[in-house]
């Protein structure tokens, strides 16, 4: 399965907003600099995510972006679906009578894989990513 840059960057954007959930609004320029992502590309991602009601936007000098709801209420699957589309896209023949046993077995395999991936994404929230981030940060050791 190949994940697009748009989806990967979108998740990084949302993780930045989750990290700052208790704080003030965050500018896209700050996120772009921190994550080394084009600000223009982040604007495209925000335009995709905003209609889902996951992000609040505040205009002005102290404006920016913030999660519209707590990280534990944002399911990974809704974010993934908005950014990436279908989890597994497998085009099966419309003419079922011409399907061979091999094609039926392969089709079943792809459908099973789609179910497993969907169940995994459905079971996770943005809070899970945030916890992973916190755990990785706690495990960092700095020596001077």
Protein backbone atom coordinates (compact mmCIF):
# COMPACT_ATOMS: atom_id res chain seq x y z
CA UNK A 1 0.00 0.00 0.00
CA UNK A 2 1.40 3.38 -0.97
CA UNK A 3 0.62 6.45 1.15
CA UNK A 4 0.73 9.78 -0.68
CA UNK A 5 2.77 12.77 0.47
CA UNK A 6 -0.50 14.65 0.94
CA UNK A 7 -1.68 12.06 3.48
CA UNK A 8 1.67 11.85 5.24
CA UNK A 9 1.96 15.64 5.51
CA UNK A 10 -1.68 15.91 6.53
CA UNK A 11 -1.07 13.55 9.43
CA UNK A 12 2.02 15.56 10.43
CA UNK A 13 -0.05 18.76 10.30
CA UNK A 14 -2.75 17.23 12.48
CA UNK A 15 -0.16 15.89 14.93
CA UNK A 16 1.31 19.40 15.26
CA UNK A 17 -2.16 20.73 16.00
CA UNK A 18 -2.74 17.92 18.51
CA UNK A 19 0.54 18.72 20.26
CA UNK A 20 -0.63 22.34 20.57
CA UNK A 21 -4.27 21.55 21.35
CA UNK A 22 -4.15 23.14 24.80
CA UNK A 23 -2.28 26.19 23.48
CA UNK A 24 -3.12 29.01 21.14
CA UNK A 25 -3.64 28.87 17.39
CA UNK A 26 -0.65 27.79 15.29
CA UNK A 27 0.27 29.42 11.99
CA UNK A 28 0.81 27.33 8.89
CA UNK A 29 4.11 29.14 8.44
CA UNK A 30 5.32 27.83 11.82
CA UNK A 31 4.19 24.29 10.98
CA UNK A 32 5.75 24.49 7.51
CA UNK A 33 9.06 25.60 9.01
CA UNK A 34 9.01 23.02 11.80
CA UNK A 35 8.04 20.13 9.52
CA UNK A 36 9.97 21.29 6.43
CA UNK A 37 6.82 21.23 4.29
CA UNK A 38 5.78 23.83 1.73
CA UNK A 39 3.28 26.29 3.20
CA UNK A 40 1.36 26.23 -0.09
CA UNK A 41 1.07 22.44 0.13
CA UNK A 42 -0.20 22.74 3.71
CA UNK A 43 -2.85 25.19 2.48
CA UNK A 44 -4.07 22.56 0.01
CA UNK A 45 -4.19 19.96 2.79
CA UNK A 46 -6.08 22.33 5.10
CA UNK A 47 -8.61 22.98 2.33
CA UNK A 48 -9.21 19.22 2.18
CA UNK A 49 -9.49 18.72 5.96
CA UNK A 50 -11.39 21.88 6.94
CA UNK A 51 -14.79 20.80 5.53
CA UNK A 52 -14.69 17.77 7.87
CA UNK A 53 -14.96 20.14 10.84
CA UNK A 54 -11.67 18.94 12.32
CA UNK A 55 -9.87 22.30 12.18
CA UNK A 56 -10.78 25.77 13.45
CA UNK A 57 -9.36 28.76 11.61
CA UNK A 58 -8.80 32.15 13.16
CA UNK A 59 -7.90 35.10 10.94
CA UNK A 60 -5.69 37.99 11.95
CA UNK A 61 -2.29 38.59 13.50
CA UNK A 62 -2.86 36.07 16.31
CA UNK A 63 -4.69 33.73 14.02
CA UNK A 64 -3.85 30.32 12.73
CA UNK A 65 -5.15 26.80 13.01
CA UNK A 66 -6.32 24.66 15.88
CA UNK A 67 -8.08 21.33 16.26
CA UNK A 68 -11.84 21.82 16.38
CA UNK A 69 -12.24 18.95 18.82
CA UNK A 70 -10.01 16.97 21.20
CA UNK A 71 -7.50 14.56 19.63
CA UNK A 72 -9.28 11.53 21.13
CA UNK A 73 -12.41 12.44 19.13
CA UNK A 74 -10.67 12.52 15.74
CA UNK A 75 -10.59 9.09 14.17
CA UNK A 76 -7.63 8.25 11.99
CA UNK A 77 -9.95 6.68 9.45
CA UNK A 78 -11.86 9.91 8.76
CA UNK A 79 -8.62 11.80 8.26
CA UNK A 80 -7.17 9.03 6.09
CA UNK A 81 -10.33 8.79 3.97
CA UNK A 82 -10.36 12.55 3.36
CA UNK A 83 -6.71 12.72 2.36
CA UNK A 84 -6.08 9.39 0.66
CA UNK A 85 -9.44 8.06 -0.44
CA UNK A 86 -10.04 4.34 -0.69
CA UNK A 87 -7.82 2.21 1.53
CA UNK A 88 -7.47 -0.58 -0.96
CA UNK A 89 -8.68 0.01 -4.46
CA UNK A 90 -9.14 -3.18 -6.40
CA UNK A 91 -11.10 -3.18 -9.62
CA UNK A 92 -12.93 -6.47 -10.00
CA UNK A 93 -14.57 -7.50 -13.22
CA UNK A 94 -18.19 -6.46 -13.60
CA UNK A 95 -18.88 -9.68 -15.48
CA UNK A 96 -18.94 -12.19 -12.61
CA UNK A 97 -19.73 -15.11 -14.91
CA UNK A 98 -16.30 -14.81 -16.55
CA UNK A 99 -14.37 -14.78 -13.24
CA UNK A 100 -11.95 -17.63 -12.83
CA UNK A 101 -11.33 -19.37 -9.53
CA UNK A 102 -7.97 -17.64 -9.38
CA UNK A 103 -9.52 -14.20 -9.79
CA UNK A 104 -12.12 -15.01 -7.10
CA UNK A 105 -9.40 -16.06 -4.65
CA UNK A 106 -7.34 -12.95 -5.36
CA UNK A 107 -10.42 -10.71 -5.07
CA UNK A 108 -11.26 -12.27 -1.72
CA UNK A 109 -7.69 -11.72 -0.56
CA UNK A 110 -7.81 -7.98 -1.39
CA UNK A 111 -11.21 -7.61 0.29
CA UNK A 112 -9.86 -9.28 3.46
CA UNK A 113 -6.85 -6.98 3.45
CA UNK A 114 -9.13 -3.97 3.08
CA UNK A 115 -11.17 -5.12 6.10
CA UNK A 116 -8.06 -5.56 8.28
CA UNK A 117 -6.64 -2.14 7.36
CA UNK A 118 -10.02 -0.43 7.83
CA UNK A 119 -10.50 -2.05 11.26
CA UNK A 120 -7.03 -0.91 12.31
CA UNK A 121 -7.64 2.68 11.17
CA UNK A 122 -11.10 2.69 12.80
CA UNK A 123 -9.58 1.65 16.13
CA UNK A 124 -7.13 4.59 16.26
CA UNK A 125 -7.53 8.29 16.98
CA UNK A 126 -5.26 11.29 16.70
CA UNK A 127 -4.70 10.82 20.43
CA UNK A 128 -2.89 7.54 19.66
CA UNK A 129 -0.44 9.44 17.43
CA UNK A 130 -0.03 12.05 20.16
CA UNK A 131 0.77 9.36 22.74
CA UNK A 132 3.35 7.83 20.38
CA UNK A 133 4.89 11.27 19.94
CA UNK A 134 5.06 11.85 23.71
CA UNK A 135 6.58 8.42 24.26
CA UNK A 136 9.29 9.02 21.65
CA UNK A 137 10.06 12.42 23.17
CA UNK A 138 10.36 10.93 26.67
CA UNK A 139 12.79 8.32 25.38
CA UNK A 140 15.09 10.95 23.89
CA UNK A 141 18.25 11.39 25.93
CA UNK A 142 20.35 14.51 25.52
CA UNK A 143 23.97 14.69 26.58
CA UNK A 144 25.94 17.91 26.80
